[in-house]
Amino acid sequence: MPDDLYTRYQAAHTAHRTHRATCTTCTDSSRCPTGQRLFESFAALQDAYLNRQRKQR
């Protein structure tokens, strides 16, 4: 069974990447409100996943 946190982290990455590919406002240094929300969601889930991985070692 896939790890739920990992699945959510990867889905957030895909959503952010998809938005970034189509948004004409987002750049590497600034994001539109939607892009910022998607990036923050991805970053938070990535941090949570990586922190859990570190603790399991």
Protein backbone atom coordinates (compact mmCIF):
# COMPACT_ATOMS: atom_id res chain seq x y z
CA MET A 1 0.00 0.00 0.00
CA PRO A 2 1.47 3.39 -0.95
CA ASP A 3 2.38 5.81 1.80
CA ASP A 4 -0.40 8.43 2.09
CA LEU A 5 1.98 11.26 3.02
CA TYR A 6 4.25 10.43 0.09
CA THR A 7 1.27 10.29 -2.27
CA ARG A 8 0.01 13.69 -1.08
CA TYR A 9 3.51 15.15 -1.35
CA GLN A 10 3.88 13.93 -4.93
CA ALA A 11 0.38 15.16 -5.86
CA ALA A 12 1.22 18.60 -4.47
CA HIS A 13 4.43 18.62 -6.50
CA THR A 14 2.52 17.73 -9.65
CA ALA A 15 -0.10 20.42 -9.00
CA HIS A 16 2.57 23.05 -8.44
CA ARG A 17 4.57 21.98 -11.52
CA THR A 18 1.43 21.95 -13.69
CA HIS A 19 0.41 25.40 -12.51
CA ARG A 20 3.91 26.78 -13.02
CA ALA A 21 3.99 25.47 -16.59
CA THR A 22 0.82 27.33 -17.54
CA CYS A 23 0.86 30.47 -15.38
CA THR A 24 2.22 33.55 -17.09
CA THR A 25 2.57 35.43 -13.79
CA CYS A 26 4.70 32.96 -11.82
CA THR A 27 8.49 33.14 -12.05
CA ASP A 28 11.31 31.50 -10.13
CA SER A 29 11.41 34.42 -7.70
CA SER A 30 7.72 35.41 -7.43
CA ARG A 31 4.40 33.63 -7.61
CA CYS A 32 0.78 34.53 -8.12
CA PRO A 33 -1.52 33.86 -5.12
CA THR A 34 -2.51 30.43 -6.47
CA GLY A 35 1.08 29.53 -7.29
CA GLN A 36 2.18 30.60 -3.81
CA ARG A 37 -0.50 28.46 -2.17
CA LEU A 38 0.45 25.45 -4.27
CA PHE A 39 4.16 25.94 -3.57
CA GLU A 40 3.58 26.29 0.19
CA SER A 41 1.46 23.14 0.23
CA PHE A 42 4.13 21.22 -1.67
CA ALA A 43 6.93 22.55 0.58
CA ALA A 44 5.07 21.71 3.79
CA LEU A 45 4.27 18.17 2.65
CA GLN A 46 7.83 17.65 1.43
CA ASP A 47 9.21 18.81 4.79
CA ALA A 48 6.84 16.54 6.69
CA TYR A 49 7.73 13.54 4.53
CA LEU A 50 11.48 14.12 4.73
CA ASN A 51 11.37 14.73 8.49
CA ARG A 52 9.50 11.47 8.98
CA GLN A 53 12.05 9.64 6.81
CA ARG A 54 14.90 11.03 8.92
CA LYS A 55 13.21 9.92 12.15
CA GLN A 56 12.77 6.37 10.83
CA ARG A 57 16.52 5.93 10.27
